[in-house]
PDB file of all heavy atoms in Angstrom:
ATOM      1  N   PHE A   1     142.114 128.988  48.285  1.00  0.00           N
ATOM      2  CA  PHE A   1     140.647 128.894  48.302  1.00  0.00           C
ATOM      3  C   PHE A   1     140.205 127.432  48.178  1.00  0.00           C
ATOM      4  O   PHE A   1     139.233 126.995  48.830  1.00  0.00           O
ATOM      5  CB  PHE A   1     140.085 129.739  47.161  1.00  0.00           C
ATOM      6  CG  PHE A   1     138.601 129.686  47.044  1.00  0.00           C
ATOM      7  CD1 PHE A   1     137.778 130.350  47.956  1.00  0.00           C
ATOM      8  CD2 PHE A   1     137.984 128.946  46.022  1.00  0.00           C
ATOM      9  CE1 PHE A   1     136.407 130.293  47.838  1.00  0.00           C
ATOM     10  CE2 PHE A   1     136.608 128.893  45.913  1.00  0.00           C
ATOM     11  CZ  PHE A   1     135.824 129.572  46.823  1.00  0.00           C
ATOM     12  N   ARG A   2     140.884 126.643  47.348  1.00  0.00           N
ATOM     13  CA  ARG A   2     140.547 125.226  47.202  1.00  0.00           C
ATOM     14  C   ARG A   2     140.709 124.487  48.535  1.00  0.00           C
ATOM     15  O   ARG A   2     139.899 123.617  48.878  1.00  0.00           O
ATOM     16  CB  ARG A   2     141.447 124.569  46.156  1.00  0.00           C
ATOM     17  CG  ARG A   2     141.098 124.921  44.726  1.00  0.00           C
ATOM     18  CD  ARG A   2     141.781 123.948  43.780  1.00  0.00           C
ATOM     19  NE  ARG A   2     141.568 124.355  42.398  1.00  0.00           N
ATOM     20  CZ  ARG A   2     142.481 124.947  41.631  1.00  0.00           C
ATOM     21  NH1 ARG A   2     143.673 125.206  42.149  1.00  0.00           N
ATOM     22  NH2 ARG A   2     142.205 125.265  40.390  1.00  0.00           N
ATOM     23  N   ILE A   3     141.790 124.810  49.257  1.00  0.00           N
ATOM     24  CA  ILE A   3     142.017 124.138  50.547  1.00  0.00           C
ATOM     25  C   ILE A   3     140.857 124.424  51.507  1.00  0.00           C
ATOM     26  O   ILE A   3     140.360 123.525  52.201  1.00  0.00           O
ATOM     27  CB  ILE A   3     143.361 124.592  51.153  1.00  0.00           C
ATOM     28  CG1 ILE A   3     144.540 124.170  50.264  1.00  0.00           C
ATOM     29  CG2 ILE A   3     143.528 124.041  52.554  1.00  0.00           C
ATOM     30  CD1 ILE A   3     144.708 122.673  50.125  1.00  0.00           C
ATOM     31  N   VAL A   4     140.414 125.685  51.535  1.00  0.00           N
ATOM     32  CA  VAL A   4     139.291 126.044  52.413  1.00  0.00           C
ATOM     33  C   VAL A   4     138.033 125.290  52.009  1.00  0.00           C
ATOM     34  O   VAL A   4     137.307 124.730  52.855  1.00  0.00           O
ATOM     35  CB  VAL A   4     139.072 127.573  52.377  1.00  0.00           C
ATOM     36  CG1 VAL A   4     137.807 127.936  53.173  1.00  0.00           C
ATOM     37  CG2 VAL A   4     140.274 128.301  52.942  1.00  0.00           C
ATOM     38  N   VAL A   5     137.737 125.248  50.692  1.00  0.00           N
ATOM     39  CA  VAL A   5     136.540 124.540  50.211  1.00  0.00           C
ATOM     40  C   VAL A   5     136.662 123.049  50.495  1.00  0.00           C
ATOM     41  O   VAL A   5     135.678 122.388  50.913  1.00  0.00           O
ATOM     42  CB  VAL A   5     136.335 124.807  48.711  1.00  0.00           C
ATOM     43  CG1 VAL A   5     135.189 123.943  48.161  1.00  0.00           C
ATOM     44  CG2 VAL A   5     136.032 126.274  48.474  1.00  0.00           C
ATOM     45  N   ALA A   6     137.876 122.459  50.302  1.00  0.00           N
ATOM     46  CA  ALA A   6     138.057 121.025  50.537  1.00  0.00           C
ATOM     47  C   ALA A   6     137.862 120.685  52.011  1.00  0.00           C
ATOM     48  O   ALA A   6     137.211 119.677  52.349  1.00  0.00           O
ATOM     49  CB  ALA A   6     139.451 120.603  50.078  1.00  0.00           C
ATOM     50  N   VAL A   7     138.406 121.508  52.905  1.00  0.00           N
ATOM     51  CA  VAL A   7     138.227 121.259  54.343  1.00  0.00           C
ATOM     52  C   VAL A   7     136.760 121.358  54.722  1.00  0.00           C
ATOM     53  O   VAL A   7     136.232 120.525  55.495  1.00  0.00           O
ATOM     54  CB  VAL A   7     139.087 122.249  55.156  1.00  0.00           C
ATOM     55  CG1 VAL A   7     138.739 122.150  56.643  1.00  0.00           C
ATOM     56  CG2 VAL A   7     140.571 121.973  54.947  1.00  0.00           C
ATOM     57  N   SER A   8     136.063 122.335  54.168  1.00  0.00           N
ATOM     58  CA  SER A   8     134.635 122.491  54.464  1.00  0.00           C
ATOM     59  C   SER A   8     133.843 121.307  53.936  1.00  0.00           C
ATOM     60  O   SER A   8     132.937 120.787  54.616  1.00  0.00           O
ATOM     61  CB  SER A   8     134.106 123.792  53.833  1.00  0.00           C
ATOM     62  OG  SER A   8     134.813 124.913  54.338  1.00  0.00           O
ATOM     63  N   ALA A   9     134.177 120.837  52.721  1.00  0.00           N
ATOM     64  CA  ALA A   9     133.459 119.682  52.150  1.00  0.00           C
ATOM     65  C   ALA A   9     133.720 118.424  52.960  1.00  0.00           C
ATOM     66  O   ALA A   9     132.791 117.618  53.209  1.00  0.00           O
ATOM     67  CB  ALA A   9     133.883 119.493  50.699  1.00  0.00           C
ATOM     68  N   LEU A  10     134.971 118.209  53.386  1.00  0.00           N
ATOM     69  CA  LEU A  10     135.282 117.035  54.211  1.00  0.00           C
ATOM     70  C   LEU A  10     134.539 117.093  55.556  1.00  0.00           C
ATOM     71  O   LEU A  10     134.042 116.069  56.053  1.00  0.00           O
ATOM     72  CB  LEU A  10     136.785 116.949  54.444  1.00  0.00           C
ATOM     73  CG  LEU A  10     137.647 116.540  53.235  1.00  0.00           C
ATOM     74  CD1 LEU A  10     139.123 116.652  53.569  1.00  0.00           C
ATOM     75  CD2 LEU A  10     137.310 115.110  52.814  1.00  0.00           C
ATOM     76  N   PHE A  11     134.481 118.286  56.126  1.00  0.00           N
ATOM     77  CA  PHE A  11     133.791 118.422  57.410  1.00  0.00           C
ATOM     78  C   PHE A  11     132.304 118.074  57.273  1.00  0.00           C
ATOM     79  O   PHE A  11     131.740 117.344  58.097  1.00  0.00           O
ATOM     80  CB  PHE A  11     133.959 119.852  57.936  1.00  0.00           C
ATOM     81  CG  PHE A  11     133.200 120.126  59.197  1.00  0.00           C
ATOM     82  CD1 PHE A  11     133.643 119.637  60.423  1.00  0.00           C
ATOM     83  CD2 PHE A  11     132.023 120.859  59.162  1.00  0.00           C
ATOM     84  CE1 PHE A  11     132.936 119.884  61.576  1.00  0.00           C
ATOM     85  CE2 PHE A  11     131.299 121.105  60.316  1.00  0.00           C
ATOM     86  CZ  PHE A  11     131.764 120.621  61.533  1.00  0.00           C
ATOM     87  N   VAL A  12     131.694 118.576  56.219  1.00  0.00           N
ATOM     88  CA  VAL A  12     130.257 118.297  56.023  1.00  0.00           C
ATOM     89  C   VAL A  12     130.031 116.840  55.687  1.00  0.00           C
ATOM     90  O   VAL A  12     129.087 116.187  56.193  1.00  0.00           O
ATOM     91  CB  VAL A  12     129.692 119.216  54.920  1.00  0.00           C
ATOM     92  CG1 VAL A  12     128.246 118.833  54.591  1.00  0.00           C
ATOM     93  CG2 VAL A  12     129.758 120.668  55.356  1.00  0.00           C
ATOM     94  N   ALA A  13     130.918 116.265  54.837  1.00  0.00           N
ATOM     95  CA  ALA A  13     130.713 114.883  54.386  1.00  0.00           C
ATOM     96  C   ALA A  13     130.895 113.875  55.508  1.00  0.00           C
ATOM     97  O   ALA A  13     130.203 112.840  55.537  1.00  0.00           O
ATOM     98  CB  ALA A  13     131.675 114.574  53.241  1.00  0.00           C
ATOM     99  N   PHE A  14     131.777 114.120  56.449  1.00  0.00           N
ATOM    100  CA  PHE A  14     132.064 113.151  57.505  1.00  0.00           C
ATOM    101  C   PHE A  14     131.520 113.590  58.868  1.00  0.00           C
ATOM    102  O   PHE A  14     131.934 113.051  59.892  1.00  0.00           O
ATOM    103  CB  PHE A  14     133.570 112.937  57.603  1.00  0.00           C
ATOM    104  CG  PHE A  14     134.152 112.208  56.426  1.00  0.00           C
ATOM    105  CD1 PHE A  14     134.689 112.909  55.358  1.00  0.00           C
ATOM    106  CD2 PHE A  14     134.126 110.812  56.372  1.00  0.00           C
ATOM    107  CE1 PHE A  14     135.220 112.255  54.271  1.00  0.00           C
ATOM    108  CE2 PHE A  14     134.669 110.149  55.279  1.00  0.00           C
ATOM    109  CZ  PHE A  14     135.211 110.866  54.216  1.00  0.00           C
ATOM    110  N   SER A  15     130.603 114.507  58.886  1.00  0.00           N
ATOM    111  CA  SER A  15     130.010 114.976  60.133  1.00  0.00           C
ATOM    112  C   SER A  15     128.517 114.602  60.158  1.00  0.00           C
ATOM    113  O   SER A  15     127.953 114.180  59.141  1.00  0.00           O
ATOM    114  CB  SER A  15     130.164 116.492  60.258  1.00  0.00           C
ATOM    115  OG  SER A  15     129.362 117.154  59.294  1.00  0.00           O
ATOM    116  N   PRO A  16     127.894 114.747  61.303  1.00  0.00           N
ATOM    117  CA  PRO A  16     126.454 114.438  61.383  1.00  0.00           C
ATOM    118  C   PRO A  16     125.601 115.295  60.455  1.00  0.00           C
ATOM    119  O   PRO A  16     124.406 114.992  60.262  1.00  0.00           O
ATOM    120  CB  PRO A  16     126.112 114.730  62.848  1.00  0.00           C
ATOM    121  CG  PRO A  16     127.406 114.551  63.580  1.00  0.00           C
ATOM    122  CD  PRO A  16     128.456 115.014  62.644  1.00  0.00           C
ATOM    123  N   LEU A  17     126.182 116.352  59.869  1.00  0.00           N
ATOM    124  CA  LEU A  17     125.406 117.190  58.961  1.00  0.00           C
ATOM    125  C   LEU A  17     124.966 116.425  57.716  1.00  0.00           C
ATOM    126  O   LEU A  17     124.016 116.826  57.041  1.00  0.00           O
ATOM    127  CB  LEU A  17     126.222 118.428  58.539  1.00  0.00           C
ATOM    128  CG  LEU A  17     126.578 119.408  59.669  1.00  0.00           C
ATOM    129  CD1 LEU A  17     127.482 120.514  59.133  1.00  0.00           C
ATOM    130  CD2 LEU A  17     125.301 120.011  60.250  1.00  0.00           C
ATOM    131  N   SER A  18     125.670 115.351  57.393  1.00  0.00           N
ATOM    132  CA  SER A  18     125.314 114.567  56.205  1.00  0.00           C
ATOM    133  C   SER A  18     124.428 113.387  56.529  1.00  0.00           C
ATOM    134  O   SER A  18     124.198 112.527  55.665  1.00  0.00           O
ATOM    135  CB  SER A  18     126.594 114.067  55.520  1.00  0.00           C
ATOM    136  OG  SER A  18     127.333 113.222  56.410  1.00  0.00           O
ATOM    137  N   ASP A  19     123.887 113.286  57.771  1.00  0.00           N
ATOM    138  CA  ASP A  19     123.036 112.144  58.133  1.00  0.00           C
ATOM    139  C   ASP A  19     121.726 112.159  57.366  1.00  0.00           C
ATOM    140  O   ASP A  19     121.086 111.108  57.180  1.00  0.00           O
ATOM    141  CB  ASP A  19     122.751 112.166  59.642  1.00  0.00           C
ATOM    142  CG  ASP A  19     124.008 111.870  60.456  1.00  0.00           C
ATOM    143  OD1 ASP A  19     124.979 111.346  59.855  1.00  0.00           O
ATOM    144  OD2 ASP A  19     124.038 112.188  61.651  1.00  0.00           O
ATOM    145  N   GLY A  20     121.292 113.308  56.929  1.00  0.00           N
ATOM    146  CA  GLY A  20     120.032 113.391  56.196  1.00  0.00           C
ATOM    147  C   GLY A  20     120.121 112.874  54.784  1.00  0.00           C
ATOM    148  O   GLY A  20     119.083 112.716  54.115  1.00  0.00           O
ATOM    149  N   LEU A  21     121.313 112.597  54.289  1.00  0.00           N
ATOM    150  CA  LEU A  21     121.473 112.100  52.917  1.00  0.00           C
ATOM    151  C   LEU A  21     121.304 110.591  52.883  1.00  0.00           C
ATOM    152  O   LEU A  21     121.495 109.886  53.884  1.00  0.00           O
ATOM    153  CB  LEU A  21     122.865 112.472  52.387  1.00  0.00           C
ATOM    154  CG  LEU A  21     123.224 113.961  52.351  1.00  0.00           C
ATOM    155  CD1 LEU A  21     124.667 114.138  51.883  1.00  0.00           C
ATOM    156  CD2 LEU A  21     122.267 114.718  51.451  1.00  0.00           C
ATOM    157  N   THR A  22     120.956 110.113  51.727  1.00  0.00           N
ATOM    158  CA  THR A  22     120.892 108.652  51.547  1.00  0.00           C
ATOM    159  C   THR A  22     122.297 108.094  51.582  1.00  0.00           C
ATOM    160  O   THR A  22     123.285 108.816  51.428  1.00  0.00           O
ATOM    161  CB  THR A  22     120.220 108.311  50.219  1.00  0.00           C
ATOM    162  OG1 THR A  22     121.008 108.859  49.142  1.00  0.00           O
ATOM    163  CG2 THR A  22     118.811 108.887  50.152  1.00  0.00           C
ATOM    164  N   ALA A  23     122.392 106.792  51.797  1.00  0.00           N
ATOM    165  CA  ALA A  23     123.710 106.156  51.888  1.00  0.00           C
ATOM    166  C   ALA A  23     124.498 106.342  50.597  1.00  0.00           C
ATOM    167  O   ALA A  23     125.714 106.585  50.624  1.00  0.00           O
ATOM    168  CB  ALA A  23     123.545 104.666  52.214  1.00  0.00           C
ATOM    169  N   THR A  24     123.808 106.276  49.454  1.00  0.00           N
ATOM    170  CA  THR A  24     124.508 106.401  48.172  1.00  0.00           C
ATOM    171  C   THR A  24     125.099 107.798  48.013  1.00  0.00           C
ATOM    172  O   THR A  24     126.276 107.975  47.667  1.00  0.00           O
ATOM    173  CB  THR A  24     123.552 106.100  47.018  1.00  0.00           C
ATOM    174  OG1 THR A  24     123.010 104.780  47.188  1.00  0.00           O
ATOM    175  CG2 THR A  24     124.288 106.200  45.688  1.00  0.00           C
ATOM    176  N   TYR A  25     124.244 108.812  48.258  1.00  0.00           N
ATOM    177  CA  TYR A  25     124.724 110.172  48.102  1.00  0.00           C
ATOM    178  C   TYR A  25     125.781 110.549  49.153  1.00  0.00           C
ATOM    179  O   TYR A  25     126.682 111.346  48.883  1.00  0.00           O
ATOM    180  CB  TYR A  25     123.555 111.158  48.170  1.00  0.00           C
ATOM    181  CG  TYR A  25     122.771 111.201  46.871  1.00  0.00           C
ATOM    182  CD1 TYR A  25     121.434 110.830  46.839  1.00  0.00           C
ATOM    183  CD2 TYR A  25     123.377 111.617  45.702  1.00  0.00           C
ATOM    184  CE1 TYR A  25     120.708 110.869  45.654  1.00  0.00           C
ATOM    185  CE2 TYR A  25     122.659 111.670  44.514  1.00  0.00           C
ATOM    186  CZ  TYR A  25     121.337 111.292  44.489  1.00  0.00           C
ATOM    187  OH  TYR A  25     120.645 111.328  43.318  1.00  0.00           O
ATOM    188  N   ARG A  26     125.645 109.938  50.365  1.00  0.00           N
ATOM    189  CA  ARG A  26     126.636 110.239  51.386  1.00  0.00           C
ATOM    190  C   ARG A  26     128.008 109.703  50.978  1.00  0.00           C
ATOM    191  O   ARG A  26     129.026 110.392  51.116  1.00  0.00           O
ATOM    192  CB  ARG A  26     126.208 109.643  52.722  1.00  0.00           C
ATOM    193  CG  ARG A  26     127.144 110.013  53.871  1.00  0.00           C
ATOM    194  CD  ARG A  26     126.602 109.549  55.203  1.00  0.00           C
ATOM    195  NE  ARG A  26     127.465 110.008  56.288  1.00  0.00           N
ATOM    196  CZ  ARG A  26     127.252 109.775  57.575  1.00  0.00           C
ATOM    197  NH1 ARG A  26     126.148 109.080  57.934  1.00  0.00           N
ATOM    198  NH2 ARG A  26     128.076 110.201  58.496  1.00  0.00           N
ATOM    199  N   VAL A  27     128.036 108.454  50.503  1.00  0.00           N
ATOM    200  CA  VAL A  27     129.302 107.874  50.037  1.00  0.00           C
ATOM    201  C   VAL A  27     129.846 108.659  48.852  1.00  0.00           C
ATOM    202  O   VAL A  27     131.046 108.921  48.747  1.00  0.00           O
ATOM    203  CB  VAL A  27     129.100 106.396  49.677  1.00  0.00           C
ATOM    204  CG1 VAL A  27     130.365 105.823  49.019  1.00  0.00           C
ATOM    205  CG2 VAL A  27     128.757 105.594  50.922  1.00  0.00           C
ATOM    206  N   LEU A  28     128.937 109.040  47.925  1.00  0.00           N
ATOM    207  CA  LEU A  28     129.365 109.826  46.767  1.00  0.00           C
ATOM    208  C   LEU A  28     129.957 111.172  47.191  1.00  0.00           C
ATOM    209  O   LEU A  28     130.995 111.611  46.690  1.00  0.00           O
ATOM    210  CB  LEU A  28     128.180 110.047  45.822  1.00  0.00           C
ATOM    211  CG  LEU A  28     128.466 110.867  44.552  1.00  0.00           C
ATOM    212  CD1 LEU A  28     129.491 110.152  43.671  1.00  0.00           C
ATOM    213  CD2 LEU A  28     127.170 111.109  43.782  1.00  0.00           C
ATOM    214  N   GLY A  29     129.313 111.831  48.164  1.00  0.00           N
ATOM    215  CA  GLY A  29     129.821 113.118  48.643  1.00  0.00           C
ATOM    216  C   GLY A  29     131.153 112.971  49.341  1.00  0.00           C
ATOM    217  O   GLY A  29     132.063 113.813  49.174  1.00  0.00           O
ATOM    218  N   GLN A  30     131.287 111.891  50.184  1.00  0.00           N
ATOM    219  CA  GLN A  30     132.557 111.680  50.877  1.00  0.00           C
ATOM    220  C   GLN A  30     133.688 111.390  49.888  1.00  0.00           C
ATOM    221  O   GLN A  30     134.798 111.920  50.014  1.00  0.00           O
ATOM    222  CB  GLN A  30     132.414 110.531  51.867  1.00  0.00           C
ATOM    223  CG  GLN A  30     131.520 110.858  53.052  1.00  0.00           C
ATOM    224  CD  GLN A  30     131.280 109.671  53.964  1.00  0.00           C
ATOM    225  OE1 GLN A  30     131.606 108.528  53.606  1.00  0.00           O
ATOM    226  NE2 GLN A  30     130.690 109.931  55.136  1.00  0.00           N
ATOM    227  N   ALA A  31     133.399 110.558  48.868  1.00  0.00           N
ATOM    228  CA  ALA A  31     134.424 110.241  47.865  1.00  0.00           C
ATOM    229  C   ALA A  31     134.810 111.496  47.081  1.00  0.00           C
ATOM    230  O   ALA A  31     136.007 111.751  46.826  1.00  0.00           O
ATOM    231  CB  ALA A  31     133.908 109.157  46.919  1.00  0.00           C
ATOM    232  N   ALA A  32     133.794 112.286  46.682  1.00  0.00           N
ATOM    233  CA  ALA A  32     134.105 113.504  45.916  1.00  0.00           C
ATOM    234  C   ALA A  32     134.890 114.508  46.771  1.00  0.00           C
ATOM    235  O   ALA A  32     135.811 115.169  46.278  1.00  0.00           O
ATOM    236  CB  ALA A  32     132.809 114.142  45.406  1.00  0.00           C
TER     237      ALA A  32
END
């Protein structure tokens, strides 16, 4: 289950879906 959640989080963090976030939160989300 963690692998599925991690893949989904990476996809959202490094895809255009995260363009609406501020630069700080985007970097924070990608790092997390």
